[in-house]
Amino acid sequence: MKNKSLLKIIKVSQKGQIAIPAEVQKMTGIKKGDNLILFIKGKKIMLEKVDTVIAQVNDDFKDVEIIREFT
C-alpha cells in the first residue's frame, strides 16, 4: 500500500477546516493526536507526519559528525 495512489475530493468548511478521509488516514498511518507539518510551495499544499519528517532528517544527517566546542 506504500506506493498506492488515491484521488479524493474534500470540502473546506465555513471555518476553513478540512477532514482527512478515513481511507487516507489508514493508508498514511495518521491517527488521532498525530502532529502534521503543513508545507506550502506556491499554491500547492502537502501534509506530512512530524515523525516521518524527523526520521527522514535523522537519516539524511546520520553521517554528520557532531563537534562540540566548550569554552
PDB file of N, CA and C in Angstrom:
ATOM      1  N   MET A   1       0.813  -1.200   0.000  1.00  0.00           N
ATOM      2  CA  MET A   1       0.000   0.000   0.000  1.00  0.00           C
ATOM      3  C   MET A   1       0.856   1.264   0.000  1.00  0.00           C
ATOM      4  N   LYS A   2       2.167   1.138   0.200  1.00  0.00           N
ATOM      5  CA  LYS A   2       3.040   2.289   0.335  1.00  0.00           C
ATOM      6  C   LYS A   2       3.007   3.208  -0.880  1.00  0.00           C
ATOM      7  N   ASN A   3       2.978   2.654  -2.074  1.00  0.00           N
ATOM      8  CA  ASN A   3       3.017   3.469  -3.283  1.00  0.00           C
ATOM      9  C   ASN A   3       1.659   3.612  -3.955  1.00  0.00           C
ATOM     10  N   LYS A   4       0.607   3.252  -3.263  1.00  0.00           N
ATOM     11  CA  LYS A   4      -0.729   3.351  -3.827  1.00  0.00           C
ATOM     12  C   LYS A   4      -1.113   4.816  -4.003  1.00  0.00           C
ATOM     13  N   SER A   5      -1.703   5.136  -5.128  1.00  0.00           N
ATOM     14  CA  SER A   5      -2.165   6.500  -5.397  1.00  0.00           C
ATOM     15  C   SER A   5      -3.663   6.579  -5.161  1.00  0.00           C
ATOM     16  N   LEU A   6      -4.115   7.746  -4.772  1.00  0.00           N
ATOM     17  CA  LEU A   6      -5.526   7.942  -4.489  1.00  0.00           C
ATOM     18  C   LEU A   6      -5.874   9.400  -4.762  1.00  0.00           C
ATOM     19  N   LEU A   7      -7.012   9.619  -5.376  1.00  0.00           N
ATOM     20  CA  LEU A   7      -7.508  10.964  -5.606  1.00  0.00           C
ATOM     21  C   LEU A   7      -8.830  11.094  -4.866  1.00  0.00           C
ATOM     22  N   LYS A   8      -8.924  12.077  -4.004  1.00  0.00           N
ATOM     23  CA  LYS A   8     -10.146  12.320  -3.242  1.00  0.00           C
ATOM     24  C   LYS A   8     -10.512  13.791  -3.361  1.00  0.00           C
ATOM     25  N   ILE A   9     -11.773  14.073  -3.411  1.00  0.00           N
ATOM     26  CA  ILE A   9     -12.262  15.448  -3.363  1.00  0.00           C
ATOM     27  C   ILE A   9     -12.831  15.666  -1.974  1.00  0.00           C
ATOM     28  N   ILE A  10     -12.341  16.710  -1.303  1.00  0.00           N
ATOM     29  CA  ILE A  10     -12.833  17.036   0.035  1.00  0.00           C
ATOM     30  C   ILE A  10     -13.331  18.470   0.027  1.00  0.00           C
ATOM     31  N   LYS A  11     -14.152  18.802   0.993  1.00  0.00           N
ATOM     32  CA  LYS A  11     -14.763  20.125   1.053  1.00  0.00           C
ATOM     33  C   LYS A  11     -14.192  20.901   2.239  1.00  0.00           C
ATOM     34  N   VAL A  12     -13.944  22.181   2.027  1.00  0.00           N
ATOM     35  CA  VAL A  12     -13.473  23.073   3.086  1.00  0.00           C
ATOM     36  C   VAL A  12     -14.703  23.615   3.816  1.00  0.00           C
ATOM     37  N   SER A  13     -14.681  23.550   5.159  1.00  0.00           N
ATOM     38  CA  SER A  13     -15.819  24.026   5.950  1.00  0.00           C
ATOM     39  C   SER A  13     -15.844  25.546   5.994  1.00  0.00           C
ATOM     40  N   GLN A  14     -16.898  26.090   6.568  1.00  0.00           N
ATOM     41  CA  GLN A  14     -17.020  27.545   6.715  1.00  0.00           C
ATOM     42  C   GLN A  14     -15.880  28.119   7.559  1.00  0.00           C
ATOM     43  N   LYS A  15     -15.326  27.303   8.442  1.00  0.00           N
ATOM     44  CA  LYS A  15     -14.215  27.742   9.300  1.00  0.00           C
ATOM     45  C   LYS A  15     -12.855  27.508   8.645  1.00  0.00           C
ATOM     46  N   GLY A  16     -12.844  27.030   7.393  1.00  0.00           N
ATOM     47  CA  GLY A  16     -11.590  26.773   6.696  1.00  0.00           C
ATOM     48  C   GLY A  16     -10.958  25.441   7.045  1.00  0.00           C
ATOM     49  N   GLN A  17     -11.729  24.559   7.660  1.00  0.00           N
ATOM     50  CA  GLN A  17     -11.212  23.261   8.081  1.00  0.00           C
ATOM     51  C   GLN A  17     -11.485  22.195   7.034  1.00  0.00           C
ATOM     52  N   ILE A  18     -10.620  21.179   7.031  1.00  0.00           N
ATOM     53  CA  ILE A  18     -10.842  20.010   6.182  1.00  0.00           C
ATOM     54  C   ILE A  18     -10.760  18.765   7.047  1.00  0.00           C
ATOM     55  N   ALA A  19     -11.396  17.706   6.598  1.00  0.00           N
ATOM     56  CA  ALA A  19     -11.303  16.412   7.275  1.00  0.00           C
ATOM     57  C   ALA A  19     -10.485  15.481   6.384  1.00  0.00           C
ATOM     58  N   ILE A  20      -9.598  14.740   6.998  1.00  0.00           N
ATOM     59  CA  ILE A  20      -8.812  13.749   6.254  1.00  0.00           C
ATOM     60  C   ILE A  20      -9.644  12.468   6.219  1.00  0.00           C
ATOM     61  N   PRO A  21     -10.031  12.015   5.025  1.00  0.00           N
ATOM     62  CA  PRO A  21     -10.875  10.826   4.927  1.00  0.00           C
ATOM     63  C   PRO A  21     -10.239   9.617   5.628  1.00  0.00           C
ATOM     64  N   ALA A  22     -11.081   8.766   6.211  1.00  0.00           N
ATOM     65  CA  ALA A  22     -10.615   7.592   6.956  1.00  0.00           C
ATOM     66  C   ALA A  22      -9.698   6.719   6.106  1.00  0.00           C
ATOM     67  N   GLU A  23     -10.020   6.557   4.826  1.00  0.00           N
ATOM     68  CA  GLU A  23      -9.192   5.734   3.933  1.00  0.00           C
ATOM     69  C   GLU A  23      -7.776   6.310   3.803  1.00  0.00           C
ATOM     70  N   VAL A  24      -7.689   7.632   3.740  1.00  0.00           N
ATOM     71  CA  VAL A  24      -6.390   8.299   3.642  1.00  0.00           C
ATOM     72  C   VAL A  24      -5.628   8.147   4.955  1.00  0.00           C
ATOM     73  N   GLN A  25      -6.321   8.277   6.065  1.00  0.00           N
ATOM     74  CA  GLN A  25      -5.683   8.084   7.368  1.00  0.00           C
ATOM     75  C   GLN A  25      -5.106   6.677   7.484  1.00  0.00           C
ATOM     76  N   LYS A  26      -5.864   5.704   7.042  1.00  0.00           N
ATOM     77  CA  LYS A  26      -5.406   4.315   7.105  1.00  0.00           C
ATOM     78  C   LYS A  26      -4.183   4.104   6.201  1.00  0.00           C
ATOM     79  N   MET A  27      -4.242   4.639   4.979  1.00  0.00           N
ATOM     80  CA  MET A  27      -3.131   4.483   4.030  1.00  0.00           C
ATOM     81  C   MET A  27      -1.843   5.117   4.534  1.00  0.00           C
ATOM     82  N   THR A  28      -1.967   6.248   5.233  1.00  0.00           N
ATOM     83  CA  THR A  28      -0.797   7.013   5.657  1.00  0.00           C
ATOM     84  C   THR A  28      -0.395   6.779   7.107  1.00  0.00           C
ATOM     85  N   GLY A  29      -1.207   6.033   7.828  1.00  0.00           N
ATOM     86  CA  GLY A  29      -0.894   5.758   9.233  1.00  0.00           C
ATOM     87  C   GLY A  29      -1.177   6.935  10.154  1.00  0.00           C
ATOM     88  N   ILE A  30      -1.992   7.881   9.704  1.00  0.00           N
ATOM     89  CA  ILE A  30      -2.345   9.025  10.540  1.00  0.00           C
ATOM     90  C   ILE A  30      -3.394   8.582  11.557  1.00  0.00           C
ATOM     91  N   LYS A  31      -3.107   8.910  12.824  1.00  0.00           N
ATOM     92  CA  LYS A  31      -4.024   8.544  13.905  1.00  0.00           C
ATOM     93  C   LYS A  31      -4.390   9.792  14.716  1.00  0.00           C
ATOM     94  N   LYS A  32      -5.471   9.683  15.457  1.00  0.00           N
ATOM     95  CA  LYS A  32      -5.920  10.782  16.307  1.00  0.00           C
ATOM     96  C   LYS A  32      -4.764  11.224  17.207  1.00  0.00           C
ATOM     97  N   GLY A  33      -4.541  12.531  17.270  1.00  0.00           N
ATOM     98  CA  GLY A  33      -3.490  13.074  18.119  1.00  0.00           C
ATOM     99  C   GLY A  33      -2.145  13.246  17.432  1.00  0.00           C
ATOM    100  N   ASP A  34      -1.991  12.696  16.212  1.00  0.00           N
ATOM    101  CA  ASP A  34      -0.734  12.866  15.475  1.00  0.00           C
ATOM    102  C   ASP A  34      -0.533  14.341  15.125  1.00  0.00           C
ATOM    103  N   ASN A  35       0.718  14.756  15.113  1.00  0.00           N
ATOM    104  CA  ASN A  35       1.060  16.099  14.655  1.00  0.00           C
ATOM    105  C   ASN A  35       1.470  16.019  13.197  1.00  0.00           C
ATOM    106  N   LEU A  36       1.006  16.974  12.406  1.00  0.00           N
ATOM    107  CA  LEU A  36       1.322  17.036  10.987  1.00  0.00           C
ATOM    108  C   LEU A  36       2.029  18.348  10.689  1.00  0.00           C
ATOM    109  N   ILE A  37       2.891  18.317   9.689  1.00  0.00           N
ATOM    110  CA  ILE A  37       3.540  19.522   9.199  1.00  0.00           C
ATOM    111  C   ILE A  37       2.854  19.902   7.890  1.00  0.00           C
ATOM    112  N   LEU A  38       2.534  21.172   7.755  1.00  0.00           N
ATOM    113  CA  LEU A  38       1.911  21.689   6.541  1.00  0.00           C
ATOM    114  C   LEU A  38       2.975  22.414   5.739  1.00  0.00           C
ATOM    115  N   PHE A  39       3.269  21.902   4.553  1.00  0.00           N
ATOM    116  CA  PHE A  39       4.216  22.526   3.642  1.00  0.00           C
ATOM    117  C   PHE A  39       3.436  23.247   2.560  1.00  0.00           C
ATOM    118  N   ILE A  40       3.870  24.441   2.217  1.00  0.00           N
ATOM    119  CA  ILE A  40       3.248  25.185   1.123  1.00  0.00           C
ATOM    120  C   ILE A  40       4.345  25.618   0.164  1.00  0.00           C
ATOM    121  N   LYS A  41       4.135  25.333  -1.119  1.00  0.00           N
ATOM    122  CA  LYS A  41       5.046  25.797  -2.169  1.00  0.00           C
ATOM    123  C   LYS A  41       4.172  26.338  -3.288  1.00  0.00           C
ATOM    124  N   GLY A  42       4.240  27.660  -3.452  1.00  0.00           N
ATOM    125  CA  GLY A  42       3.333  28.275  -4.412  1.00  0.00           C
ATOM    126  C   GLY A  42       1.909  28.074  -3.931  1.00  0.00           C
ATOM    127  N   LYS A  43       1.094  27.453  -4.763  1.00  0.00           N
ATOM    128  CA  LYS A  43      -0.293  27.176  -4.379  1.00  0.00           C
ATOM    129  C   LYS A  43      -0.511  25.708  -4.051  1.00  0.00           C
ATOM    130  N   LYS A  44       0.581  24.959  -3.918  1.00  0.00           N
ATOM    131  CA  LYS A  44       0.477  23.535  -3.581  1.00  0.00           C
ATOM    132  C   LYS A  44       0.629  23.347  -2.082  1.00  0.00           C
ATOM    133  N   ILE A  45      -0.137  22.411  -1.539  1.00  0.00           N
ATOM    134  CA  ILE A  45      -0.136  22.114  -0.111  1.00  0.00           C
ATOM    135  C   ILE A  45       0.215  20.640   0.080  1.00  0.00           C
ATOM    136  N   MET A  46       1.083  20.375   1.051  1.00  0.00           N
ATOM    137  CA  MET A  46       1.428  18.991   1.372  1.00  0.00           C
ATOM    138  C   MET A  46       1.396  18.834   2.886  1.00  0.00           C
ATOM    139  N   LEU A  47       0.814  17.752   3.344  1.00  0.00           N
ATOM    140  CA  LEU A  47       0.818  17.407   4.764  1.00  0.00           C
ATOM    141  C   LEU A  47       1.725  16.205   4.962  1.00  0.00           C
ATOM    142  N   GLU A  48       2.492  16.229   6.033  1.00  0.00           N
ATOM    143  CA  GLU A  48       3.396  15.118   6.338  1.00  0.00           C
ATOM    144  C   GLU A  48       3.394  14.921   7.853  1.00  0.00           C
ATOM    145  N   LYS A  49       3.450  13.665   8.283  1.00  0.00           N
ATOM    146  CA  LYS A  49       3.529  13.387   9.707  1.00  0.00           C
ATOM    147  C   LYS A  49       4.868  13.889  10.240  1.00  0.00           C
ATOM    148  N   VAL A  50       4.849  14.540  11.403  1.00  0.00           N
ATOM    149  CA  VAL A  50       6.070  15.058  12.013  1.00  0.00           C
ATOM    150  C   VAL A  50       7.079  13.933  12.206  1.00  0.00           C
ATOM    151  N   ASP A  51       6.620  12.795  12.693  1.00  0.00           N
ATOM    152  CA  ASP A  51       7.523  11.658  12.931  1.00  0.00           C
ATOM    153  C   ASP A  51       8.237  11.229  11.651  1.00  0.00           C
ATOM    154  N   THR A  52       7.542  11.277  10.536  1.00  0.00           N
ATOM    155  CA  THR A  52       8.132  10.902   9.252  1.00  0.00           C
ATOM    156  C   THR A  52       9.222  11.885   8.853  1.00  0.00           C
ATOM    157  N   VAL A  53       8.961  13.178   9.043  1.00  0.00           N
ATOM    158  CA  VAL A  53       9.941  14.208   8.694  1.00  0.00           C
ATOM    159  C   VAL A  53      11.174  14.086   9.587  1.00  0.00           C
ATOM    160  N   ILE A  54      10.964  13.897  10.886  1.00  0.00           N
ATOM    161  CA  ILE A  54      12.091  13.744  11.813  1.00  0.00           C
ATOM    162  C   ILE A  54      12.931  12.535  11.437  1.00  0.00           C
ATOM    163  N   ALA A  55      12.284  11.408  11.131  1.00  0.00           N
ATOM    164  CA  ALA A  55      13.021  10.200  10.737  1.00  0.00           C
ATOM    165  C   ALA A  55      13.829  10.449   9.470  1.00  0.00           C
ATOM    166  N   GLN A  56      13.263  11.159   8.511  1.00  0.00           N
ATOM    167  CA  GLN A  56      13.972  11.442   7.262  1.00  0.00           C
ATOM    168  C   GLN A  56      15.164  12.360   7.500  1.00  0.00           C
ATOM    169  N   VAL A  57      14.986  13.387   8.321  1.00  0.00           N
ATOM    170  CA  VAL A  57      16.090  14.301   8.622  1.00  0.00           C
ATOM    171  C   VAL A  57      17.203  13.548   9.349  1.00  0.00           C
ATOM    172  N   ASN A  58      16.832  12.717  10.317  1.00  0.00           N
ATOM    173  CA  ASN A  58      17.837  11.923  11.030  1.00  0.00           C
ATOM    174  C   ASN A  58      18.597  11.020  10.073  1.00  0.00           C
ATOM    175  N   ASP A  59      17.900  10.412   9.135  1.00  0.00           N
ATOM    176  CA  ASP A  59      18.550   9.547   8.150  1.00  0.00           C
ATOM    177  C   ASP A  59      19.461  10.352   7.226  1.00  0.00           C
ATOM    178  N   ASP A  60      18.988  11.513   6.791  1.00  0.00           N
ATOM    179  CA  ASP A  60      19.779  12.367   5.893  1.00  0.00           C
ATOM    180  C   ASP A  60      21.085  12.820   6.538  1.00  0.00           C
ATOM    181  N   PHE A  61      21.068  12.997   7.862  1.00  0.00           N
ATOM    182  CA  PHE A  61      22.245  13.517   8.555  1.00  0.00           C
ATOM    183  C   PHE A  61      22.931  12.478   9.439  1.00  0.00           C
ATOM    184  N   LYS A  62      22.658  11.202   9.220  1.00  0.00           N
ATOM    185  CA  LYS A  62      23.238  10.151  10.070  1.00  0.00           C
ATOM    186  C   LYS A  62      24.757  10.100  10.001  1.00  0.00           C
ATOM    187  N   ASP A  63      25.350  10.551   8.909  1.00  0.00           N
ATOM    188  CA  ASP A  63      26.799  10.505   8.747  1.00  0.00           C
ATOM    189  C   ASP A  63      27.498  11.793   9.188  1.00  0.00           C
ATOM    190  N   VAL A  64      26.732  12.754   9.695  1.00  0.00           N
ATOM    191  CA  VAL A  64      27.320  14.018  10.120  1.00  0.00           C
ATOM    192  C   VAL A  64      27.916  13.852  11.509  1.00  0.00           C
ATOM    193  N   GLU A  65      29.164  14.256  11.637  1.00  0.00           N
ATOM    194  CA  GLU A  65      29.849  14.182  12.927  1.00  0.00           C
ATOM    195  C   GLU A  65      29.509  15.426  13.734  1.00  0.00           C
ATOM    196  N   ILE A  66      29.135  15.219  14.970  1.00  0.00           N
ATOM    197  CA  ILE A  66      28.809  16.338  15.845  1.00  0.00           C
ATOM    198  C   ILE A  66      30.083  16.771  16.562  1.00  0.00           C
ATOM    199  N   ILE A  67      30.421  18.038  16.408  1.00  0.00           N
ATOM    200  CA  ILE A  67      31.591  18.596  17.070  1.00  0.00           C
ATOM    201  C   ILE A  67      31.110  19.625  18.071  1.00  0.00           C
ATOM    202  N   ARG A  68      31.498  19.418  19.319  1.00  0.00           N
ATOM    203  CA  ARG A  68      31.104  20.354  20.363  1.00  0.00           C
ATOM    204  C   ARG A  68      32.342  21.060  20.866  1.00  0.00           C
ATOM    205  N   GLU A  69      32.248  22.355  20.922  1.00  0.00           N
ATOM    206  CA  GLU A  69      33.341  23.152  21.463  1.00  0.00           C
ATOM    207  C   GLU A  69      32.886  23.719  22.797  1.00  0.00           C
ATOM    208  N   PHE A  70      33.724  23.559  23.783  1.00  0.00           N
ATOM    209  CA  PHE A  70      33.416  24.068  25.109  1.00  0.00           C
ATOM    210  C   PHE A  70      34.351  25.223  25.418  1.00  0.00           C
ATOM    211  N   THR A  71      33.803  26.285  25.918  1.00  0.00           N
ATOM    212  CA  THR A  71      34.638  27.447  26.274  1.00  0.00           C
ATOM    213  C   THR A  71      34.786  27.564  27.763  1.00  0.00           C
TER     214      THR A  71
END
